[in-house]
Structures are given as structure tokens and as C-alpha cells.
């Protein structure tokens, strides 16, 4: 998948994530905070990471809690809506400024005169 919804699903369940540095996981997982990022071609690194997480309940709990917070604060619908509204508002402000500095009526009149 292109984005990494599986990581968000794990985070919403309070689980740490292990993902690749070569795909969308790096946009979702905060390395050593909400999970671990590994080189997908490095079997030794992947193995060591999995063993570490399986043996360290406290690290898993801490990463799981951080993941739940990150999923809620960064990837929830409310967070998306807030960023999207901000984006639209900023684009509308730019369009409004442009329209005041370059009146459309003058452009339309000039094009009809030709």
C-alpha cells in the first residue's frame, strides 16, 4: 500500500511498529519513538529489532503509547480536517490577493477587444 495504513492501525491499538526506511513507513513511524525503522534488505537489523522488541515489554509499552498519541494527533480525521482547512484558507487568501492586484474585469475586457 502506498501510505502505510497498517502502521496506523497498529498504533491505534497501542502497538509498536516495525517498518522499512524505504517506503511510506518512514512518514508514519517515528523511529525509536512509535516503533523502529529498518533497512528492508538488512536481515540482521530486522532480526535484532524484532528480538529487542519481543524482550523489552517497557519499550513496547512506551512506543505503543506514543504511537496512539501520534495516530490521534497527526493522522486522525480531525487532524486531517484542520490541515486541509488551513491549506484551503491559505490558497483562498492568495487567490483573493491576486484578484485584487489583477482585476479580472480588466483582463476580460482586454481579451474581448482583440
Protein backbone atom coordinates (compact mmCIF):
# COMPACT_ATOMS: atom_id res chain seq x y z
CA UNK A 1 0.00 0.00 0.00
CA UNK A 2 1.22 3.48 -0.73
CA UNK A 3 0.70 5.19 2.63
CA UNK A 4 1.00 2.69 5.44
CA UNK A 5 -2.45 2.34 6.99
CA UNK A 6 -1.36 -0.91 8.63
CA UNK A 7 1.01 1.11 10.84
CA UNK A 8 -1.78 3.47 11.85
CA UNK A 9 -4.00 0.50 12.69
CA UNK A 10 -1.26 -0.91 14.93
CA UNK A 11 -0.74 2.48 16.57
CA UNK A 12 -4.47 2.84 17.25
CA UNK A 13 -4.21 -0.46 19.16
CA UNK A 14 -1.20 0.78 21.17
CA UNK A 15 1.31 -1.45 19.41
CA UNK A 16 4.84 -0.52 18.33
CA UNK A 17 5.53 -0.74 14.61
CA UNK A 18 8.44 -2.07 12.60
CA UNK A 19 8.72 -0.75 9.08
CA UNK A 20 11.16 -0.03 6.28
CA UNK A 21 13.14 3.14 5.76
CA UNK A 22 12.49 2.67 2.03
CA UNK A 23 8.73 3.23 1.88
CA UNK A 24 5.85 5.13 3.46
CA UNK A 25 6.61 3.71 6.90
CA UNK A 26 9.13 6.48 7.47
CA UNK A 27 6.30 9.02 7.09
CA UNK A 28 4.21 7.30 9.74
CA UNK A 29 6.63 5.71 12.22
CA UNK A 30 8.77 7.97 14.39
CA UNK A 31 11.93 5.87 14.72
CA UNK A 32 12.58 4.67 18.28
CA UNK A 33 9.52 6.64 19.43
CA UNK A 34 6.49 4.86 17.96
CA UNK A 35 8.39 1.91 16.56
CA UNK A 36 11.51 1.06 14.63
CA UNK A 37 12.59 1.70 11.07
CA UNK A 38 14.92 -0.83 9.46
CA UNK A 39 16.59 -1.35 6.12
CA UNK A 40 14.40 -3.96 4.45
CA UNK A 41 17.44 -5.66 2.96
CA UNK A 42 19.27 -5.95 6.27
CA UNK A 43 18.07 -9.23 7.80
CA UNK A 44 20.37 -8.90 10.80
CA UNK A 45 18.98 -5.46 11.65
CA UNK A 46 15.40 -6.67 11.27
CA UNK A 47 16.07 -9.73 13.42
CA UNK A 48 17.81 -7.68 16.13
CA UNK A 49 14.96 -5.16 16.15
CA UNK A 50 12.28 -7.84 16.48
CA UNK A 51 14.19 -9.66 19.23
CA UNK A 52 14.73 -6.39 21.11
CA UNK A 53 11.03 -5.56 20.99
CA UNK A 54 9.98 -9.06 21.97
CA UNK A 55 12.28 -8.94 25.00
CA UNK A 56 11.58 -5.37 26.13
CA UNK A 57 8.00 -5.02 27.35
CA UNK A 58 8.65 -1.49 28.63
CA UNK A 59 9.92 -0.28 25.25
CA UNK A 60 6.88 -1.84 23.56
CA UNK A 61 4.53 -0.17 26.04
CA UNK A 62 6.25 3.22 25.66
CA UNK A 63 6.27 3.01 21.85
CA UNK A 64 2.67 1.81 21.81
CA UNK A 65 1.51 4.75 23.93
CA UNK A 66 3.49 7.19 21.78
CA UNK A 67 2.03 5.60 18.65
CA UNK A 68 -1.54 6.03 19.89
CA UNK A 69 -0.87 9.69 20.59
CA UNK A 70 0.81 10.19 17.20
CA UNK A 71 -2.01 8.43 15.34
CA UNK A 72 -4.58 10.61 17.07
CA UNK A 73 -2.71 13.91 16.81
CA UNK A 74 -1.25 13.53 13.31
CA UNK A 75 -3.40 11.07 11.37
CA UNK A 76 -6.96 11.32 12.70
CA UNK A 77 -9.77 12.79 10.64
CA UNK A 78 -9.81 15.84 12.92
CA UNK A 79 -6.09 16.44 12.29
CA UNK A 80 -6.56 15.95 8.54
CA UNK A 81 -9.54 18.32 8.51
CA UNK A 82 -7.58 21.01 10.38
CA UNK A 83 -4.64 20.81 7.94
CA UNK A 84 -6.95 20.71 4.92
CA UNK A 85 -8.97 23.74 6.04
CA UNK A 86 -5.72 25.63 6.67
CA UNK A 87 -4.48 24.72 3.19
CA UNK A 88 -7.72 25.81 1.53
CA UNK A 89 -7.87 29.02 3.52
CA UNK A 90 -4.30 29.94 2.63
CA UNK A 91 -4.96 29.23 -1.06
CA UNK A 92 -8.12 31.36 -0.98
CA UNK A 93 -6.17 34.21 0.61
CA UNK A 94 -3.59 34.03 -2.18
CA UNK A 95 -6.33 34.00 -4.83
CA UNK A 96 -8.04 36.94 -3.15
CA UNK A 97 -4.80 38.95 -3.09
CA UNK A 98 -4.12 38.11 -6.74
CA UNK A 99 -7.62 39.08 -7.82
CA UNK A 100 -7.28 42.45 -6.10
CA UNK A 101 -3.94 43.16 -7.73
CA UNK A 102 -5.03 41.98 -11.18
CA UNK A 103 -8.75 42.67 -11.71
CA UNK A 104 -10.43 40.00 -13.79
CA UNK A 105 -12.78 42.53 -15.37
CA UNK A 106 -9.85 44.36 -16.97
CA UNK A 107 -8.42 41.10 -18.33
CA UNK A 108 -11.79 40.03 -19.75
CA UNK A 109 -12.36 43.47 -21.35
CA UNK A 110 -8.92 43.45 -22.92
CA UNK A 111 -9.41 39.97 -24.36
CA UNK A 112 -12.77 40.91 -25.91
CA UNK A 113 -11.29 43.99 -27.56
CA UNK A 114 -8.94 41.84 -29.65
